[in-house]
Amino acid sequence: MLDTTDPEDRQIRVILISAAAVAILGLIAIATVVAVMVSANFNFLSWME
């Protein structure tokens, strides 16, 4: 298979895939932190006061 794609297209694709991966990992990290806080009976409302 010949790779005739423009190097700039490849760079844009890498940037978009990286951004998507970072966003997904960030959501997983936030969900994990929330799950740990809830399981530890952390009260978000009293913390925000």
PDB file of N, CA and C in Angstrom:
ATOM      1  N   MET A   1       0.849  -1.190   0.000  1.00  0.00           N
ATOM      2  CA  MET A   1       0.000   0.000   0.000  1.00  0.00           C
ATOM      3  C   MET A   1       0.885   1.241   0.000  1.00  0.00           C
ATOM      4  N   LEU A   2       0.699   2.095  -0.965  1.00  0.00           N
ATOM      5  CA  LEU A   2       1.489   3.317  -1.057  1.00  0.00           C
ATOM      6  C   LEU A   2       0.898   4.390  -0.152  1.00  0.00           C
ATOM      7  N   ASP A   3       1.763   5.021   0.634  1.00  0.00           N
ATOM      8  CA  ASP A   3       1.313   6.104   1.521  1.00  0.00           C
ATOM      9  C   ASP A   3       1.584   7.433   0.838  1.00  0.00           C
ATOM     10  N   THR A   4       0.588   7.961   0.165  1.00  0.00           N
ATOM     11  CA  THR A   4       0.760   9.212  -0.579  1.00  0.00           C
ATOM     12  C   THR A   4       0.128  10.390   0.146  1.00  0.00           C
ATOM     13  N   THR A   5      -0.132  10.225   1.446  1.00  0.00           N
ATOM     14  CA  THR A   5      -0.768  11.322   2.189  1.00  0.00           C
ATOM     15  C   THR A   5       0.233  12.438   2.428  1.00  0.00           C
ATOM     16  N   ASP A   6      -0.295  13.620   2.512  1.00  0.00           N
ATOM     17  CA  ASP A   6       0.508  14.808   2.774  1.00  0.00           C
ATOM     18  C   ASP A   6       1.024  14.746   4.212  1.00  0.00           C
ATOM     19  N   PRO A   7       2.295  15.060   4.458  1.00  0.00           N
ATOM     20  CA  PRO A   7       2.805  15.052   5.841  1.00  0.00           C
ATOM     21  C   PRO A   7       2.009  15.964   6.769  1.00  0.00           C
ATOM     22  N   GLU A   8       1.483  17.061   6.220  1.00  0.00           N
ATOM     23  CA  GLU A   8       0.677  17.957   7.054  1.00  0.00           C
ATOM     24  C   GLU A   8      -0.624  17.276   7.467  1.00  0.00           C
ATOM     25  N   ASP A   9      -1.220  16.492   6.558  1.00  0.00           N
ATOM     26  CA  ASP A   9      -2.429  15.743   6.911  1.00  0.00           C
ATOM     27  C   ASP A   9      -2.135  14.743   8.021  1.00  0.00           C
ATOM     28  N   ARG A  10      -0.993  14.087   7.919  1.00  0.00           N
ATOM     29  CA  ARG A  10      -0.612  13.118   8.946  1.00  0.00           C
ATOM     30  C   ARG A  10      -0.436  13.814  10.293  1.00  0.00           C
ATOM     31  N   GLN A  11       0.182  15.000  10.289  1.00  0.00           N
ATOM     32  CA  GLN A  11       0.389  15.744  11.529  1.00  0.00           C
ATOM     33  C   GLN A  11      -0.947  16.165  12.141  1.00  0.00           C
ATOM     34  N   ILE A  12      -1.867  16.636  11.303  1.00  0.00           N
ATOM     35  CA  ILE A  12      -3.185  17.023  11.799  1.00  0.00           C
ATOM     36  C   ILE A  12      -3.899  15.810  12.389  1.00  0.00           C
ATOM     37  N   ARG A  13      -3.807  14.666  11.715  1.00  0.00           N
ATOM     38  CA  ARG A  13      -4.438  13.447  12.219  1.00  0.00           C
ATOM     39  C   ARG A  13      -3.857  13.057  13.575  1.00  0.00           C
ATOM     40  N   VAL A  14      -2.533  13.149  13.724  1.00  0.00           N
ATOM     41  CA  VAL A  14      -1.895  12.809  15.002  1.00  0.00           C
ATOM     42  C   VAL A  14      -2.369  13.755  16.095  1.00  0.00           C
ATOM     43  N   ILE A  15      -2.470  15.047  15.769  1.00  0.00           N
ATOM     44  CA  ILE A  15      -2.925  16.027  16.770  1.00  0.00           C
ATOM     45  C   ILE A  15      -4.359  15.736  17.190  1.00  0.00           C
ATOM     46  N   LEU A  16      -5.237  15.447  16.220  1.00  0.00           N
ATOM     47  CA  LEU A  16      -6.635  15.172  16.562  1.00  0.00           C
ATOM     48  C   LEU A  16      -6.774  13.899  17.379  1.00  0.00           C
ATOM     49  N   ILE A  17      -6.046  12.849  17.005  1.00  0.00           N
ATOM     50  CA  ILE A  17      -6.117  11.593  17.759  1.00  0.00           C
ATOM     51  C   ILE A  17      -5.572  11.795  19.168  1.00  0.00           C
ATOM     52  N   SER A  18      -4.486  12.552  19.293  1.00  0.00           N
ATOM     53  CA  SER A  18      -3.915  12.820  20.619  1.00  0.00           C
ATOM     54  C   SER A  18      -4.892  13.617  21.479  1.00  0.00           C
ATOM     55  N   ALA A  19      -5.531  14.614  20.885  1.00  0.00           N
ATOM     56  CA  ALA A  19      -6.490  15.420  21.636  1.00  0.00           C
ATOM     57  C   ALA A  19      -7.660  14.564  22.105  1.00  0.00           C
ATOM     58  N   ALA A  20      -8.135  13.675  21.242  1.00  0.00           N
ATOM     59  CA  ALA A  20      -9.237  12.796  21.630  1.00  0.00           C
ATOM     60  C   ALA A  20      -8.809  11.850  22.749  1.00  0.00           C
ATOM     61  N   ALA A  21      -7.599  11.311  22.645  1.00  0.00           N
ATOM     62  CA  ALA A  21      -7.113  10.392  23.678  1.00  0.00           C
ATOM     63  C   ALA A  21      -6.962  11.116  25.013  1.00  0.00           C
ATOM     64  N   VAL A  22      -6.432  12.325  24.996  1.00  0.00           N
ATOM     65  CA  VAL A  22      -6.277  13.100  26.231  1.00  0.00           C
ATOM     66  C   VAL A  22      -7.637  13.413  26.842  1.00  0.00           C
ATOM     67  N   ALA A  23      -8.620  13.748  26.005  1.00  0.00           N
ATOM     68  CA  ALA A  23      -9.956  14.046  26.510  1.00  0.00           C
ATOM     69  C   ALA A  23     -10.579  12.820  27.169  1.00  0.00           C
ATOM     70  N   ILE A  24     -10.422  11.662  26.532  1.00  0.00           N
ATOM     71  CA  ILE A  24     -10.984  10.432  27.095  1.00  0.00           C
ATOM     72  C   ILE A  24     -10.296  10.080  28.405  1.00  0.00           C
ATOM     73  N   LEU A  25      -8.968  10.182  28.438  1.00  0.00           N
ATOM     74  CA  LEU A  25      -8.248   9.876  29.677  1.00  0.00           C
ATOM     75  C   LEU A  25      -8.616  10.864  30.782  1.00  0.00           C
ATOM     76  N   GLY A  26      -8.835  12.123  30.416  1.00  0.00           N
ATOM     77  CA  GLY A  26      -9.253  13.109  31.406  1.00  0.00           C
ATOM     78  C   GLY A  26     -10.617  12.789  31.993  1.00  0.00           C
ATOM     79  N   LEU A  27     -11.549  12.391  31.125  1.00  0.00           N
ATOM     80  CA  LEU A  27     -12.878  12.007  31.624  1.00  0.00           C
ATOM     81  C   LEU A  27     -12.794  10.789  32.535  1.00  0.00           C
ATOM     82  N   ILE A  28     -11.967   9.825  32.172  1.00  0.00           N
ATOM     83  CA  ILE A  28     -11.804   8.630  33.021  1.00  0.00           C
ATOM     84  C   ILE A  28     -11.208   9.024  34.369  1.00  0.00           C
ATOM     85  N   ALA A  29     -10.225   9.926  34.355  1.00  0.00           N
ATOM     86  CA  ALA A  29      -9.609  10.367  35.609  1.00  0.00           C
ATOM     87  C   ALA A  29     -10.621  11.099  36.486  1.00  0.00           C
ATOM     88  N   ILE A  30     -11.424  11.985  35.888  1.00  0.00           N
ATOM     89  CA  ILE A  30     -12.434  12.712  36.663  1.00  0.00           C
ATOM     90  C   ILE A  30     -13.470  11.751  37.236  1.00  0.00           C
ATOM     91  N   ALA A  31     -13.910  10.783  36.420  1.00  0.00           N
ATOM     92  CA  ALA A  31     -14.892   9.805  36.894  1.00  0.00           C
ATOM     93  C   ALA A  31     -14.316   8.973  38.033  1.00  0.00           C
ATOM     94  N   THR A  32     -13.035   8.640  37.938  1.00  0.00           N
ATOM     95  CA  THR A  32     -12.398   7.868  39.007  1.00  0.00           C
ATOM     96  C   THR A  32     -12.331   8.674  40.296  1.00  0.00           C
ATOM     97  N   VAL A  33     -11.953   9.947  40.185  1.00  0.00           N
ATOM     98  CA  VAL A  33     -11.877  10.796  41.381  1.00  0.00           C
ATOM     99  C   VAL A  33     -13.255  10.938  42.015  1.00  0.00           C
ATOM    100  N   VAL A  34     -14.291  11.156  41.206  1.00  0.00           N
ATOM    101  CA  VAL A  34     -15.646  11.285  41.744  1.00  0.00           C
ATOM    102  C   VAL A  34     -16.081   9.985  42.406  1.00  0.00           C
ATOM    103  N   ALA A  35     -15.784   8.850  41.785  1.00  0.00           N
ATOM    104  CA  ALA A  35     -16.168   7.563  42.363  1.00  0.00           C
ATOM    105  C   ALA A  35     -15.459   7.329  43.695  1.00  0.00           C
ATOM    106  N   VAL A  36     -14.189   7.685  43.771  1.00  0.00           N
ATOM    107  CA  VAL A  36     -13.445   7.515  45.028  1.00  0.00           C
ATOM    108  C   VAL A  36     -14.005   8.431  46.106  1.00  0.00           C
ATOM    109  N   MET A  37     -14.316   9.687  45.733  1.00  0.00           N
ATOM    110  CA  MET A  37     -14.869  10.616  46.713  1.00  0.00           C
ATOM    111  C   MET A  37     -16.236  10.146  47.215  1.00  0.00           C
ATOM    112  N   VAL A  38     -17.071   9.660  46.320  1.00  0.00           N
ATOM    113  CA  VAL A  38     -18.394   9.180  46.731  1.00  0.00           C
ATOM    114  C   VAL A  38     -18.249   7.949  47.622  1.00  0.00           C
ATOM    115  N   SER A  39     -17.355   7.039  47.264  1.00  0.00           N
ATOM    116  CA  SER A  39     -17.195   5.836  48.075  1.00  0.00           C
ATOM    117  C   SER A  39     -16.607   6.161  49.451  1.00  0.00           C
ATOM    118  N   ALA A  40     -15.881   7.284  49.539  1.00  0.00           N
ATOM    119  CA  ALA A  40     -15.330   7.702  50.830  1.00  0.00           C
ATOM    120  C   ALA A  40     -16.302   8.604  51.586  1.00  0.00           C
ATOM    121  N   ASN A  41     -17.544   8.718  51.097  1.00  0.00           N
ATOM    122  CA  ASN A  41     -18.588   9.550  51.706  1.00  0.00           C
ATOM    123  C   ASN A  41     -18.158  11.009  51.816  1.00  0.00           C
ATOM    124  N   PHE A  42     -17.460  11.505  50.782  1.00  0.00           N
ATOM    125  CA  PHE A  42     -17.061  12.908  50.758  1.00  0.00           C
ATOM    126  C   PHE A  42     -18.264  13.744  50.358  1.00  0.00           C
ATOM    127  N   ASN A  43     -18.568  14.755  51.173  1.00  0.00           N
ATOM    128  CA  ASN A  43     -19.742  15.590  50.913  1.00  0.00           C
ATOM    129  C   ASN A  43     -19.316  16.829  50.126  1.00  0.00           C
ATOM    130  N   PHE A  44     -19.647  16.845  48.828  1.00  0.00           N
ATOM    131  CA  PHE A  44     -19.249  17.951  47.970  1.00  0.00           C
ATOM    132  C   PHE A  44     -19.914  19.258  48.381  1.00  0.00           C
ATOM    133  N   LEU A  45     -21.161  19.178  48.853  1.00  0.00           N
ATOM    134  CA  LEU A  45     -21.882  20.400  49.198  1.00  0.00           C
ATOM    135  C   LEU A  45     -21.270  21.088  50.403  1.00  0.00           C
ATOM    136  N   SER A  46     -20.886  20.339  51.419  1.00  0.00           N
ATOM    137  CA  SER A  46     -20.270  20.978  52.577  1.00  0.00           C
ATOM    138  C   SER A  46     -18.872  21.499  52.248  1.00  0.00           C
ATOM    139  N   TRP A  47     -18.195  20.844  51.301  1.00  0.00           N
ATOM    140  CA  TRP A  47     -16.863  21.303  50.899  1.00  0.00           C
ATOM    141  C   TRP A  47     -16.944  22.617  50.136  1.00  0.00           C
ATOM    142  N   MET A  48     -18.056  22.833  49.401  1.00  0.00           N
ATOM    143  CA  MET A  48     -18.193  24.038  48.577  1.00  0.00           C
ATOM    144  C   MET A  48     -18.586  25.263  49.408  1.00  0.00           C
ATOM    145  N   GLU A  49     -19.022  25.074  50.634  1.00  0.00           N
ATOM    146  CA  GLU A  49     -19.457  26.216  51.458  1.00  0.00           C
ATOM    147  C   GLU A  49     -18.269  27.050  51.905  1.00  0.00           C
TER     148      GLU A  49
END
